[in-house]
Amino acid sequence: RKTLAEKAPNVPLVTFVTLREQMDAALGSEELITILSNFFGLVALLLSALGLYGLLSTSVVQRTGEFGMRVALGANRWRVVRMVLREALTMVLTGLAAGAFALLSLGRLIAAMLHGVSAFDPRTLMTVIITLIVVGFLSALFPALRAASVEPMEALRIEY
């Protein structure tokens, strides 16, 4: 303050903060946006996992007779699990294809919002793909195991 008064007596001193404090004030909103984006991304991932779980659970309940009949006719229980997991993987891959199309279509718009990271960053894209496949697999695992545990006689009683 003393130095400013000596060197530039006509310049008013409104606030006197360090460079670190100025940077924190300038970047505080970006950090908040990043935290909120991560939070809402995790919420969206959780909701999509719950949606896939619910969809597959409903499908398994509706197809109880089919799974029971397959097991009664000699199908391996792991084949039933694979069948349900394949159905889930098809849904996840369809969603990934739609997301890839959206990324290719809107890549320039997305790139304008990113600082220091490319919209087509291979490591980030692979992390997202692997995360979605793992979450889809875990969401489908319990309905698939439930489908494999259907007893043929129970399934036939439900049908008739």
N, C-alpha and C. Protein backbone atom coordinates (compact mmCIF):
# COMPACT_ATOMS: atom_id res chain seq x y z
N ARG A 1 0.82 -1.19 0.00
CA ARG A 1 0.00 0.00 0.00
C ARG A 1 0.86 1.25 0.00
N LYS A 2 1.95 1.19 0.79
CA LYS A 2 2.86 2.32 0.88
C LYS A 2 3.55 2.54 -0.46
N THR A 3 3.97 1.44 -1.10
CA THR A 3 4.65 1.53 -2.39
C THR A 3 3.71 2.08 -3.46
N LEU A 4 2.46 1.65 -3.47
CA LEU A 4 1.49 2.15 -4.44
C LEU A 4 1.24 3.64 -4.22
N ALA A 5 1.16 4.04 -2.97
CA ALA A 5 0.95 5.46 -2.68
C ALA A 5 2.13 6.31 -3.14
N GLU A 6 3.35 5.75 -3.05
CA GLU A 6 4.54 6.50 -3.48
C GLU A 6 4.64 6.54 -5.00
N LYS A 7 4.41 5.39 -5.66
CA LYS A 7 4.63 5.31 -7.11
C LYS A 7 3.46 5.88 -7.93
N ALA A 8 2.24 5.64 -7.48
CA ALA A 8 1.05 6.09 -8.22
C ALA A 8 0.04 6.64 -7.23
N PRO A 9 0.22 7.87 -6.80
CA PRO A 9 -0.68 8.42 -5.79
C PRO A 9 -2.10 8.67 -6.30
N ASN A 10 -2.29 8.73 -7.61
CA ASN A 10 -3.62 9.01 -8.16
C ASN A 10 -4.46 7.75 -8.39
N VAL A 11 -3.85 6.58 -8.22
CA VAL A 11 -4.57 5.32 -8.44
C VAL A 11 -5.24 4.91 -7.13
N PRO A 12 -6.57 4.77 -7.17
CA PRO A 12 -7.25 4.37 -5.93
C PRO A 12 -7.03 2.88 -5.64
N LEU A 13 -6.90 2.56 -4.40
CA LEU A 13 -6.72 1.17 -3.98
C LEU A 13 -8.05 0.65 -3.45
N VAL A 14 -8.71 -0.17 -4.30
CA VAL A 14 -10.02 -0.69 -3.91
C VAL A 14 -9.83 -1.99 -3.12
N THR A 15 -9.17 -2.93 -3.73
CA THR A 15 -8.87 -4.18 -3.03
C THR A 15 -7.41 -4.50 -3.22
N PHE A 16 -6.85 -5.14 -2.24
CA PHE A 16 -5.45 -5.49 -2.30
C PHE A 16 -5.35 -6.97 -1.95
N VAL A 17 -5.19 -7.84 -3.00
CA VAL A 17 -5.13 -9.28 -2.79
C VAL A 17 -3.93 -9.85 -3.52
N THR A 18 -3.56 -11.04 -3.13
CA THR A 18 -2.43 -11.70 -3.79
C THR A 18 -2.88 -12.27 -5.13
N LEU A 19 -1.90 -12.65 -5.94
CA LEU A 19 -2.20 -13.25 -7.24
C LEU A 19 -2.95 -14.56 -7.07
N ARG A 20 -2.59 -15.35 -6.07
CA ARG A 20 -3.27 -16.61 -5.80
C ARG A 20 -4.76 -16.37 -5.50
N GLU A 21 -5.05 -15.37 -4.69
CA GLU A 21 -6.44 -15.04 -4.37
C GLU A 21 -7.20 -14.58 -5.61
N GLN A 22 -6.54 -13.82 -6.48
CA GLN A 22 -7.18 -13.39 -7.73
C GLN A 22 -7.48 -14.59 -8.63
N MET A 23 -6.52 -15.52 -8.72
CA MET A 23 -6.73 -16.71 -9.56
C MET A 23 -7.85 -17.58 -9.00
N ASP A 24 -7.88 -17.74 -7.68
CA ASP A 24 -8.95 -18.53 -7.06
C ASP A 24 -10.32 -17.89 -7.32
N ALA A 25 -10.38 -16.59 -7.25
CA ALA A 25 -11.66 -15.90 -7.50
C ALA A 25 -12.07 -16.04 -8.96
N ALA A 26 -11.10 -15.99 -9.87
CA ALA A 26 -11.41 -16.09 -11.29
C ALA A 26 -11.80 -17.51 -11.69
N LEU A 27 -11.16 -18.51 -11.09
CA LEU A 27 -11.40 -19.90 -11.47
C LEU A 27 -12.40 -20.60 -10.57
N GLY A 28 -12.91 -19.93 -9.57
CA GLY A 28 -13.85 -20.54 -8.64
C GLY A 28 -15.11 -21.02 -9.33
N SER A 29 -15.61 -20.26 -10.27
CA SER A 29 -16.83 -20.66 -10.96
C SER A 29 -16.58 -21.88 -11.87
N GLU A 30 -15.40 -21.95 -12.49
CA GLU A 30 -15.08 -23.11 -13.31
C GLU A 30 -14.97 -24.38 -12.47
N GLU A 31 -14.40 -24.25 -11.28
CA GLU A 31 -14.31 -25.40 -10.39
C GLU A 31 -15.69 -25.86 -9.95
N LEU A 32 -16.56 -24.92 -9.66
CA LEU A 32 -17.92 -25.26 -9.27
C LEU A 32 -18.65 -25.95 -10.42
N ILE A 33 -18.47 -25.44 -11.63
CA ILE A 33 -19.10 -26.06 -12.79
C ILE A 33 -18.57 -27.47 -12.99
N THR A 34 -17.28 -27.67 -12.80
CA THR A 34 -16.68 -29.00 -12.93
C THR A 34 -17.24 -29.96 -11.88
N ILE A 35 -17.33 -29.51 -10.66
CA ILE A 35 -17.85 -30.36 -9.59
C ILE A 35 -19.30 -30.72 -9.86
N LEU A 36 -20.10 -29.73 -10.25
CA LEU A 36 -21.51 -29.99 -10.55
C LEU A 36 -21.67 -30.91 -11.76
N SER A 37 -20.83 -30.73 -12.77
CA SER A 37 -20.89 -31.61 -13.95
C SER A 37 -20.57 -33.04 -13.57
N ASN A 38 -19.56 -33.23 -12.75
CA ASN A 38 -19.21 -34.58 -12.29
C ASN A 38 -20.35 -35.19 -11.47
N PHE A 39 -20.93 -34.39 -10.59
CA PHE A 39 -22.03 -34.88 -9.77
C PHE A 39 -23.22 -35.30 -10.62
N PHE A 40 -23.63 -34.44 -11.55
CA PHE A 40 -24.78 -34.77 -12.37
C PHE A 40 -24.46 -35.90 -13.36
N GLY A 41 -23.21 -36.03 -13.77
CA GLY A 41 -22.82 -37.17 -14.59
C GLY A 41 -22.96 -38.48 -13.82
N LEU A 42 -22.55 -38.48 -12.55
CA LEU A 42 -22.70 -39.68 -11.73
C LEU A 42 -24.17 -39.99 -11.46
N VAL A 43 -24.98 -38.96 -11.27
CA VAL A 43 -26.42 -39.19 -11.08
C VAL A 43 -27.02 -39.79 -12.35
N ALA A 44 -26.62 -39.27 -13.51
CA ALA A 44 -27.12 -39.82 -14.78
C ALA A 44 -26.69 -41.27 -14.96
N LEU A 45 -25.45 -41.58 -14.59
CA LEU A 45 -24.96 -42.95 -14.68
C LEU A 45 -25.75 -43.87 -13.75
N LEU A 46 -26.02 -43.41 -12.54
CA LEU A 46 -26.81 -44.20 -11.60
C LEU A 46 -28.23 -44.41 -12.12
N LEU A 47 -28.84 -43.36 -12.65
CA LEU A 47 -30.21 -43.50 -13.18
C LEU A 47 -30.26 -44.43 -14.38
N SER A 48 -29.25 -44.37 -15.23
CA SER A 48 -29.24 -45.28 -16.38
C SER A 48 -29.03 -46.72 -15.92
N ALA A 49 -28.21 -46.92 -14.90
CA ALA A 49 -28.01 -48.28 -14.37
C ALA A 49 -29.30 -48.80 -13.75
N LEU A 50 -30.00 -47.94 -13.01
CA LEU A 50 -31.27 -48.36 -12.42
C LEU A 50 -32.32 -48.63 -13.50
N GLY A 51 -32.32 -47.82 -14.54
CA GLY A 51 -33.26 -48.03 -15.64
C GLY A 51 -33.01 -49.34 -16.35
N LEU A 52 -31.74 -49.65 -16.62
CA LEU A 52 -31.41 -50.91 -17.27
C LEU A 52 -31.75 -52.09 -16.37
N TYR A 53 -31.48 -51.96 -15.08
CA TYR A 53 -31.82 -53.01 -14.13
C TYR A 53 -33.34 -53.24 -14.12
N GLY A 54 -34.09 -52.16 -14.05
CA GLY A 54 -35.55 -52.29 -14.03
C GLY A 54 -36.10 -52.90 -15.30
N LEU A 55 -35.56 -52.48 -16.44
CA LEU A 55 -36.00 -53.01 -17.72
C LEU A 55 -35.72 -54.51 -17.82
N LEU A 56 -34.53 -54.91 -17.43
CA LEU A 56 -34.19 -56.33 -17.51
C LEU A 56 -34.93 -57.15 -16.46
N SER A 57 -35.16 -56.58 -15.28
CA SER A 57 -35.94 -57.30 -14.26
C SER A 57 -37.37 -57.55 -14.75
N THR A 58 -37.96 -56.54 -15.37
CA THR A 58 -39.31 -56.71 -15.91
C THR A 58 -39.31 -57.74 -17.02
N SER A 59 -38.31 -57.70 -17.87
CA SER A 59 -38.21 -58.67 -18.96
C SER A 59 -38.07 -60.09 -18.42
N VAL A 60 -37.26 -60.25 -17.37
CA VAL A 60 -37.06 -61.58 -16.78
C VAL A 60 -38.36 -62.08 -16.16
N VAL A 61 -39.10 -61.22 -15.47
CA VAL A 61 -40.37 -61.63 -14.87
C VAL A 61 -41.36 -62.03 -15.95
N GLN A 62 -41.43 -61.24 -17.03
CA GLN A 62 -42.36 -61.55 -18.10
C GLN A 62 -41.99 -62.83 -18.85
N ARG A 63 -40.71 -63.14 -18.87
CA ARG A 63 -40.26 -64.31 -19.62
C ARG A 63 -39.93 -65.49 -18.71
N THR A 64 -40.48 -65.50 -17.51
CA THR A 64 -40.21 -66.59 -16.57
C THR A 64 -40.56 -67.94 -17.17
N GLY A 65 -41.69 -68.03 -17.84
CA GLY A 65 -42.09 -69.29 -18.47
C GLY A 65 -41.10 -69.74 -19.51
N GLU A 66 -40.61 -68.80 -20.31
CA GLU A 66 -39.62 -69.14 -21.34
C GLU A 66 -38.35 -69.68 -20.71
N PHE A 67 -37.85 -69.01 -19.67
CA PHE A 67 -36.62 -69.47 -19.04
C PHE A 67 -36.82 -70.82 -18.37
N GLY A 68 -37.97 -71.00 -17.72
CA GLY A 68 -38.26 -72.30 -17.11
C GLY A 68 -38.33 -73.40 -18.14
N MET A 69 -38.96 -73.12 -19.28
CA MET A 69 -39.06 -74.11 -20.35
C MET A 69 -37.67 -74.44 -20.91
N ARG A 70 -36.85 -73.43 -21.08
CA ARG A 70 -35.49 -73.69 -21.59
C ARG A 70 -34.71 -74.59 -20.64
N VAL A 71 -34.81 -74.30 -19.35
CA VAL A 71 -34.10 -75.13 -18.37
C VAL A 71 -34.70 -76.53 -18.35
N ALA A 72 -36.03 -76.65 -18.44
CA ALA A 72 -36.68 -77.97 -18.44
C ALA A 72 -36.27 -78.79 -19.66
N LEU A 73 -36.02 -78.12 -20.78
CA LEU A 73 -35.62 -78.84 -21.99
C LEU A 73 -34.12 -79.10 -22.06
N GLY A 74 -33.40 -78.73 -21.00
CA GLY A 74 -31.99 -79.08 -20.94
C GLY A 74 -31.01 -77.95 -21.16
N ALA A 75 -31.48 -76.75 -21.21
CA ALA A 75 -30.55 -75.63 -21.39
C ALA A 75 -29.72 -75.44 -20.12
N ASN A 76 -28.46 -75.17 -20.31
CA ASN A 76 -27.57 -74.90 -19.20
C ASN A 76 -27.97 -73.57 -18.56
N ARG A 77 -27.92 -73.49 -17.24
CA ARG A 77 -28.30 -72.24 -16.57
C ARG A 77 -27.39 -71.09 -16.97
N TRP A 78 -26.13 -71.37 -17.25
CA TRP A 78 -25.22 -70.31 -17.67
C TRP A 78 -25.58 -69.80 -19.06
N ARG A 79 -26.20 -70.63 -19.87
CA ARG A 79 -26.67 -70.18 -21.17
C ARG A 79 -27.79 -69.14 -21.00
N VAL A 80 -28.64 -69.36 -19.99
CA VAL A 80 -29.71 -68.40 -19.70
C VAL A 80 -29.10 -67.08 -19.22
N VAL A 81 -28.09 -67.18 -18.36
CA VAL A 81 -27.40 -65.97 -17.89
C VAL A 81 -26.79 -65.22 -19.07
N ARG A 82 -26.11 -65.95 -19.94
CA ARG A 82 -25.49 -65.30 -21.11
C ARG A 82 -26.54 -64.66 -22.01
N MET A 83 -27.71 -65.29 -22.12
CA MET A 83 -28.76 -64.74 -22.96
C MET A 83 -29.23 -63.38 -22.44
N VAL A 84 -29.43 -63.28 -21.13
CA VAL A 84 -29.87 -62.01 -20.54
C VAL A 84 -28.75 -60.98 -20.61
N LEU A 85 -27.51 -61.40 -20.34
CA LEU A 85 -26.38 -60.47 -20.42
C LEU A 85 -26.17 -59.98 -21.85
N ARG A 86 -26.39 -60.84 -22.83
CA ARG A 86 -26.26 -60.43 -24.23
C ARG A 86 -27.30 -59.37 -24.58
N GLU A 87 -28.51 -59.57 -24.05
CA GLU A 87 -29.58 -58.58 -24.27
C GLU A 87 -29.17 -57.22 -23.68
N ALA A 88 -28.60 -57.23 -22.48
CA ALA A 88 -28.16 -55.99 -21.84
C ALA A 88 -27.00 -55.36 -22.61
N LEU A 89 -26.06 -56.18 -23.06
CA LEU A 89 -24.92 -55.66 -23.80
C LEU A 89 -25.38 -55.04 -25.11
N THR A 90 -26.39 -55.61 -25.74
CA THR A 90 -26.93 -55.03 -26.96
C THR A 90 -27.50 -53.64 -26.70
N MET A 91 -28.21 -53.49 -25.58
CA MET A 91 -28.75 -52.17 -25.23
C MET A 91 -27.63 -51.17 -24.95
N VAL A 92 -26.61 -51.61 -24.23
CA VAL A 92 -25.50 -50.71 -23.90
C VAL A 92 -24.75 -50.30 -25.17
N LEU A 93 -24.50 -51.26 -26.05
CA LEU A 93 -23.78 -50.93 -27.28
C LEU A 93 -24.60 -50.02 -28.20
N THR A 94 -25.92 -50.20 -28.20
CA THR A 94 -26.78 -49.30 -28.97
C THR A 94 -26.68 -47.88 -28.41
N GLY A 95 -26.70 -47.75 -27.10
CA GLY A 95 -26.54 -46.44 -26.47
C GLY A 95 -25.17 -45.83 -26.75
N LEU A 96 -24.13 -46.66 -26.73
CA LEU A 96 -22.79 -46.16 -27.05
C LEU A 96 -22.70 -45.70 -28.50
N ALA A 97 -23.35 -46.42 -29.41
CA ALA A 97 -23.35 -46.01 -30.82
C ALA A 97 -24.08 -44.68 -30.99
N ALA A 98 -25.20 -44.51 -30.29
CA ALA A 98 -25.92 -43.23 -30.36
C ALA A 98 -25.07 -42.11 -29.77
N GLY A 99 -24.37 -42.39 -28.68
CA GLY A 99 -23.48 -41.39 -28.09
C GLY A 99 -22.31 -41.04 -28.99
N ALA A 100 -21.76 -42.04 -29.68
CA ALA A 100 -20.66 -41.78 -30.62
C ALA A 100 -21.14 -40.92 -31.79
N PHE A 101 -22.34 -41.19 -32.27
CA PHE A 101 -22.91 -40.37 -33.34
C PHE A 101 -23.10 -38.93 -32.87
N ALA A 102 -23.61 -38.76 -31.65
CA ALA A 102 -23.80 -37.42 -31.11
C ALA A 102 -22.47 -36.71 -30.92
N LEU A 103 -21.44 -37.45 -30.47
CA LEU A 103 -20.12 -36.84 -30.30
C LEU A 103 -19.56 -36.40 -31.64
N LEU A 104 -19.69 -37.23 -32.65
CA LEU A 104 -19.19 -36.85 -33.97
C LEU A 104 -19.96 -35.66 -34.54
N SER A 105 -21.24 -35.62 -34.27
CA SER A 105 -22.07 -34.53 -34.80
C SER A 105 -21.82 -33.22 -34.06
N LEU A 106 -21.62 -33.29 -32.77
CA LEU A 106 -21.50 -32.09 -31.94
C LEU A 106 -20.10 -31.88 -31.40
N GLY A 107 -19.12 -32.55 -31.98
CA GLY A 107 -17.74 -32.49 -31.48
C GLY A 107 -17.16 -31.10 -31.42
N ARG A 108 -17.41 -30.30 -32.42
CA ARG A 108 -16.86 -28.94 -32.43
C ARG A 108 -17.49 -28.08 -31.35
N LEU A 109 -18.79 -28.24 -31.14
CA LEU A 109 -19.46 -27.49 -30.08
C LEU A 109 -18.92 -27.90 -28.71
N ILE A 110 -18.73 -29.18 -28.53
CA ILE A 110 -18.20 -29.68 -27.25
C ILE A 110 -16.76 -29.22 -27.06
N ALA A 111 -15.97 -29.23 -28.13
CA ALA A 111 -14.56 -28.84 -28.03
C ALA A 111 -14.43 -27.38 -27.61
N ALA A 112 -15.39 -26.54 -27.99
CA ALA A 112 -15.33 -25.13 -27.60
C ALA A 112 -15.53 -24.95 -26.10
N MET A 113 -16.18 -25.90 -25.45
CA MET A 113 -16.43 -25.80 -24.01
C MET A 113 -15.32 -26.42 -23.17
N LEU A 114 -14.43 -27.18 -23.78
CA LEU A 114 -13.37 -27.87 -23.04
C LEU A 114 -12.08 -27.06 -23.10
N HIS A 115 -11.38 -27.03 -22.00
CA HIS A 115 -10.11 -26.31 -21.94
C HIS A 115 -9.00 -27.30 -21.61
N GLY A 116 -8.07 -27.48 -22.53
CA GLY A 116 -6.94 -28.35 -22.29
C GLY A 116 -7.19 -29.82 -22.58
N VAL A 117 -8.40 -30.17 -23.00
CA VAL A 117 -8.73 -31.55 -23.32
C VAL A 117 -9.48 -31.57 -24.65
N SER A 118 -9.14 -32.51 -25.48
CA SER A 118 -9.83 -32.66 -26.76
C SER A 118 -11.15 -33.38 -26.55
N ALA A 119 -12.13 -33.07 -27.38
CA ALA A 119 -13.42 -33.77 -27.31
C ALA A 119 -13.25 -35.23 -27.73
N PHE A 120 -12.19 -35.51 -28.46
CA PHE A 120 -11.94 -36.86 -28.96
C PHE A 120 -10.72 -37.48 -28.27
N ASP A 121 -10.51 -37.16 -27.00
CA ASP A 121 -9.40 -37.69 -26.23
C ASP A 121 -9.57 -39.21 -26.08
N PRO A 122 -8.64 -40.01 -26.64
CA PRO A 122 -8.82 -41.47 -26.64
C PRO A 122 -8.90 -42.06 -25.23
N ARG A 123 -8.09 -41.56 -24.31
CA ARG A 123 -8.09 -42.12 -22.96
C ARG A 123 -9.43 -41.86 -22.26
N THR A 124 -9.96 -40.66 -22.42
CA THR A 124 -11.25 -40.34 -21.82
C THR A 124 -12.36 -41.16 -22.46
N LEU A 125 -12.34 -41.27 -23.77
CA LEU A 125 -13.37 -42.04 -24.47
C LEU A 125 -13.33 -43.52 -24.06
N MET A 126 -12.14 -44.08 -23.95
CA MET A 126 -12.04 -45.49 -23.54
C MET A 126 -12.50 -45.67 -22.09
N THR A 127 -12.19 -44.71 -21.24
CA THR A 127 -12.65 -44.78 -19.85
C THR A 127 -14.18 -44.76 -19.79
N VAL A 128 -14.80 -43.88 -20.58
CA VAL A 128 -16.25 -43.80 -20.61
C VAL A 128 -16.86 -45.09 -21.15
N ILE A 129 -16.30 -45.62 -22.23
CA ILE A 129 -16.82 -46.85 -22.82
C ILE A 129 -16.73 -48.02 -21.83
N ILE A 130 -15.57 -48.17 -21.21
CA ILE A 130 -15.37 -49.27 -20.26
C ILE A 130 -16.29 -49.09 -19.06
N THR A 131 -16.42 -47.87 -18.56
CA THR A 131 -17.30 -47.62 -17.41
C THR A 131 -18.74 -47.97 -17.74
N LEU A 132 -19.22 -47.57 -18.91
CA LEU A 132 -20.60 -47.87 -19.28
C LEU A 132 -20.83 -49.36 -19.46
N ILE A 133 -19.87 -50.06 -20.04
CA ILE A 133 -20.01 -51.51 -20.22
C ILE A 133 -20.02 -52.22 -18.86
N VAL A 134 -19.14 -51.81 -17.95
CA VAL A 134 -19.09 -52.43 -16.62
C VAL A 134 -20.37 -52.16 -15.85
N VAL A 135 -20.85 -50.91 -15.89
CA VAL A 135 -22.10 -50.57 -15.19
C VAL A 135 -23.27 -51.34 -15.80
N GLY A 136 -23.31 -51.45 -17.13
CA GLY A 136 -24.36 -52.23 -17.78
C GLY A 136 -24.30 -53.70 -17.39
N PHE A 137 -23.09 -54.25 -17.31
CA PHE A 137 -22.93 -55.64 -16.91
C PHE A 137 -23.40 -55.86 -15.48
N LEU A 138 -22.99 -54.97 -14.57
CA LEU A 138 -23.41 -55.11 -13.18
C LEU A 138 -24.91 -54.93 -13.01
N SER A 139 -25.50 -54.04 -13.81
CA SER A 139 -26.95 -53.83 -13.75
C SER A 139 -27.70 -55.06 -14.22
N ALA A 140 -27.13 -55.78 -15.18
CA ALA A 140 -27.81 -56.94 -15.76
C ALA A 140 -27.50 -58.24 -15.02
N LEU A 141 -26.51 -58.22 -14.17
CA LEU A 141 -26.08 -59.46 -13.53
C LEU A 141 -27.15 -60.06 -12.63
N PHE A 142 -27.80 -59.25 -11.80
CA PHE A 142 -28.80 -59.78 -10.87
C PHE A 142 -30.04 -60.30 -11.59
N PRO A 143 -30.58 -59.57 -12.58
CA PRO A 143 -31.70 -60.16 -13.32
C PRO A 143 -31.30 -61.44 -14.07
N ALA A 144 -30.07 -61.49 -14.57
CA ALA A 144 -29.62 -62.68 -15.28
C ALA A 144 -29.52 -63.88 -14.33
N LEU A 145 -29.00 -63.65 -13.15
CA LEU A 145 -28.91 -64.74 -12.17
C LEU A 145 -30.29 -65.18 -11.71
N ARG A 146 -31.21 -64.21 -11.60
CA ARG A 146 -32.59 -64.56 -11.24
C ARG A 146 -33.23 -65.40 -12.34
N ALA A 147 -32.96 -65.07 -13.59
CA ALA A 147 -33.52 -65.84 -14.71
C ALA A 147 -32.97 -67.26 -14.71
N ALA A 148 -31.69 -67.39 -14.35
CA ALA A 148 -31.08 -68.72 -14.35
C ALA A 148 -31.56 -69.57 -13.18
N SER A 149 -32.07 -68.93 -12.14
CA SER A 149 -32.50 -69.70 -10.97
C SER A 149 -33.97 -70.10 -11.03
N VAL A 150 -34.63 -69.85 -12.15
CA VAL A 150 -36.05 -70.21 -12.29
C VAL A 150 -36.18 -71.73 -12.33
N GLU A 151 -37.03 -72.25 -11.46
CA GLU A 151 -37.31 -73.68 -11.47
C GLU A 151 -38.36 -73.97 -12.54
N PRO A 152 -38.17 -75.00 -13.34
CA PRO A 152 -39.11 -75.29 -14.42
C PRO A 152 -40.55 -75.49 -13.95
N MET A 153 -40.76 -76.17 -12.83
CA MET A 153 -42.12 -76.42 -12.36
C MET A 153 -42.80 -75.13 -11.90
N GLU A 154 -42.05 -74.24 -11.25
CA GLU A 154 -42.61 -72.96 -10.84
C GLU A 154 -43.00 -72.14 -12.06
N ALA A 155 -42.15 -72.17 -13.07
CA ALA A 155 -42.43 -71.40 -14.28
C ALA A 155 -43.67 -71.91 -14.97
N LEU A 156 -43.84 -73.22 -15.00
CA LEU A 156 -45.04 -73.78 -15.64
C LEU A 156 -46.29 -73.48 -14.84
N ARG A 157 -46.19 -73.43 -13.53
CA ARG A 157 -47.36 -73.09 -12.71
C ARG A 157 -47.76 -71.64 -12.91
N ILE A 158 -46.78 -70.77 -13.08
CA ILE A 158 -47.07 -69.36 -13.31
C ILE A 158 -47.79 -69.16 -14.63
N GLU A 159 -47.37 -69.92 -15.63
CA GLU A 159 -47.95 -69.77 -16.97
C GLU A 159 -49.41 -70.20 -17.01
N TYR A 160 -49.77 -71.25 -16.27
CA TYR A 160 -51.12 -71.80 -16.41
C TYR A 160 -51.93 -71.66 -15.18
